Amino acid sequence: MFSITLSLMLISMIKSSAAVIVIDLFVGFLGALISAFVMEALPSLANVLAWNSFNMINIIVQLANPSIHQVSSLTNGELVAGNLIYTLLFLLIGLWAFKKRNF
């Protein structure tokens, strides 16, 4: 749901389909890596940075392998809650952008 609502939000905000595809691929393949890099670079803020949207991609791996907890710094329950919150947020932003969009 997270990926779908992210795509819908981007489609509503950006008129270029190619740009949306590139952004989605970037987030899908490199989002978790960027999140881990930023959390390692700023360890004093790791508890706050763990809730960034790029880190939510780790749910796919962490639910299958709980030892990934060290990478995401969130429990399975926290990742599920974070994914639901970001899903709702992206859906609301996407709906707002769709209503404001000029066709």
Protein backbone atom coordinates (compact mmCIF):
# COMPACT_ATOMS: atom_id res chain seq x y z
CA MET A 1 0.00 0.00 0.00
CA PHE A 2 2.89 2.33 0.79
CA SER A 3 4.34 2.01 -2.72
CA ILE A 4 0.96 2.32 -4.40
CA THR A 5 -0.03 5.48 -2.55
CA LEU A 6 3.43 6.95 -3.14
CA SER A 7 2.97 6.33 -6.86
CA LEU A 8 -0.54 7.80 -6.85
CA MET A 9 0.67 10.88 -5.00
CA LEU A 10 3.53 11.40 -7.45
CA ILE A 11 1.25 10.88 -10.45
CA SER A 12 -1.07 13.57 -9.07
CA MET A 13 1.79 15.99 -8.48
CA ILE A 14 4.05 15.42 -11.49
CA LYS A 15 2.75 15.56 -15.04
CA SER A 16 5.56 13.44 -16.51
CA SER A 17 4.96 9.69 -16.25
CA ALA A 18 8.63 9.01 -16.93
CA ALA A 19 9.66 11.15 -13.95
CA VAL A 20 7.23 9.29 -11.68
CA ILE A 21 8.62 5.95 -12.82
CA VAL A 22 12.22 7.07 -12.22
CA ILE A 23 11.39 8.42 -8.76
CA ASP A 24 9.51 5.22 -7.82
CA LEU A 25 12.40 3.04 -8.99
CA PHE A 26 14.89 5.23 -7.12
CA VAL A 27 12.88 4.98 -3.89
CA GLY A 28 12.26 1.26 -4.33
CA PHE A 29 15.86 0.29 -4.97
CA LEU A 30 17.87 2.90 -3.10
CA GLY A 31 15.51 4.24 -0.43
CA ALA A 32 16.44 1.78 2.31
CA LEU A 33 20.15 2.19 1.54
CA ILE A 34 19.92 5.99 1.75
CA SER A 35 17.97 5.73 5.00
CA ALA A 36 20.57 3.43 6.60
CA PHE A 37 23.40 5.72 5.45
CA VAL A 38 21.77 8.83 6.95
CA MET A 39 21.00 7.04 10.24
CA GLU A 40 24.62 5.85 10.49
CA ALA A 41 25.95 9.33 9.67
CA LEU A 42 23.82 10.94 12.39
CA PRO A 43 23.64 8.37 15.22
CA SER A 44 22.38 10.93 17.74
CA LEU A 45 19.25 11.41 15.61
CA ALA A 46 18.80 7.74 14.68
CA ASN A 47 15.63 7.36 16.79
CA VAL A 48 13.94 10.21 14.92
CA LEU A 49 15.41 9.40 11.49
CA ALA A 50 14.21 5.80 11.78
CA TRP A 51 10.70 7.08 11.03
CA ASN A 52 11.59 8.51 7.60
CA SER A 53 9.62 7.22 4.65
CA PHE A 54 12.65 5.58 2.99
CA ASN A 55 13.10 3.37 6.06
CA MET A 56 9.56 2.03 5.68
CA ILE A 57 10.72 0.04 2.65
CA ASN A 58 12.58 -2.25 5.09
CA ILE A 59 9.27 -3.86 6.08
CA ILE A 60 9.51 -6.23 3.11
CA VAL A 61 12.74 -7.77 4.37
CA GLN A 62 12.26 -7.34 8.12
CA LEU A 63 8.97 -9.25 8.34
CA ALA A 64 10.70 -12.25 6.77
CA ASN A 65 13.96 -11.80 8.68
CA PRO A 66 13.62 -10.08 12.10
CA SER A 67 17.42 -9.71 12.44
CA ILE A 68 17.14 -6.70 10.08
CA HIS A 69 15.90 -4.81 13.15
CA GLN A 70 19.41 -3.39 13.58
CA VAL A 71 19.24 -1.79 10.13
CA SER A 72 15.78 -0.25 10.39
CA SER A 73 15.96 0.55 14.14
CA LEU A 74 12.21 -0.19 14.32
CA THR A 75 10.29 -3.23 15.46
CA ASN A 76 7.93 -5.07 13.13
CA GLY A 77 4.94 -3.38 14.77
CA GLU A 78 6.51 0.06 14.42
CA LEU A 79 7.25 -0.58 10.74
CA VAL A 80 3.68 -1.69 10.11
CA ALA A 81 2.34 1.39 11.92
CA GLY A 82 4.75 3.66 10.05
CA ASN A 83 3.72 2.16 6.72
CA LEU A 84 0.05 2.70 7.53
CA ILE A 85 0.70 6.31 8.59
CA TYR A 86 2.72 7.09 5.44
CA THR A 87 0.10 5.33 3.31
CA LEU A 88 -2.61 7.57 4.74
CA LEU A 89 -0.42 10.66 4.44
CA PHE A 90 0.52 9.98 0.81
CA LEU A 91 -3.11 9.19 -0.03
CA LEU A 92 -4.32 12.49 1.47
CA ILE A 93 -1.59 14.49 -0.27
CA GLY A 94 -2.33 12.70 -3.55
CA LEU A 95 -6.05 13.42 -3.25
CA TRP A 96 -5.36 17.07 -2.47
CA ALA A 97 -2.96 17.37 -5.42
CA PHE A 98 -5.47 15.64 -7.72
CA LYS A 99 -8.19 18.12 -6.75
CA LYS A 100 -5.84 21.07 -7.37
CA ARG A 101 -4.54 19.71 -10.68
CA ASN A 102 -5.44 21.55 -13.87
CA PHE A 103 -6.22 19.19 -16.73
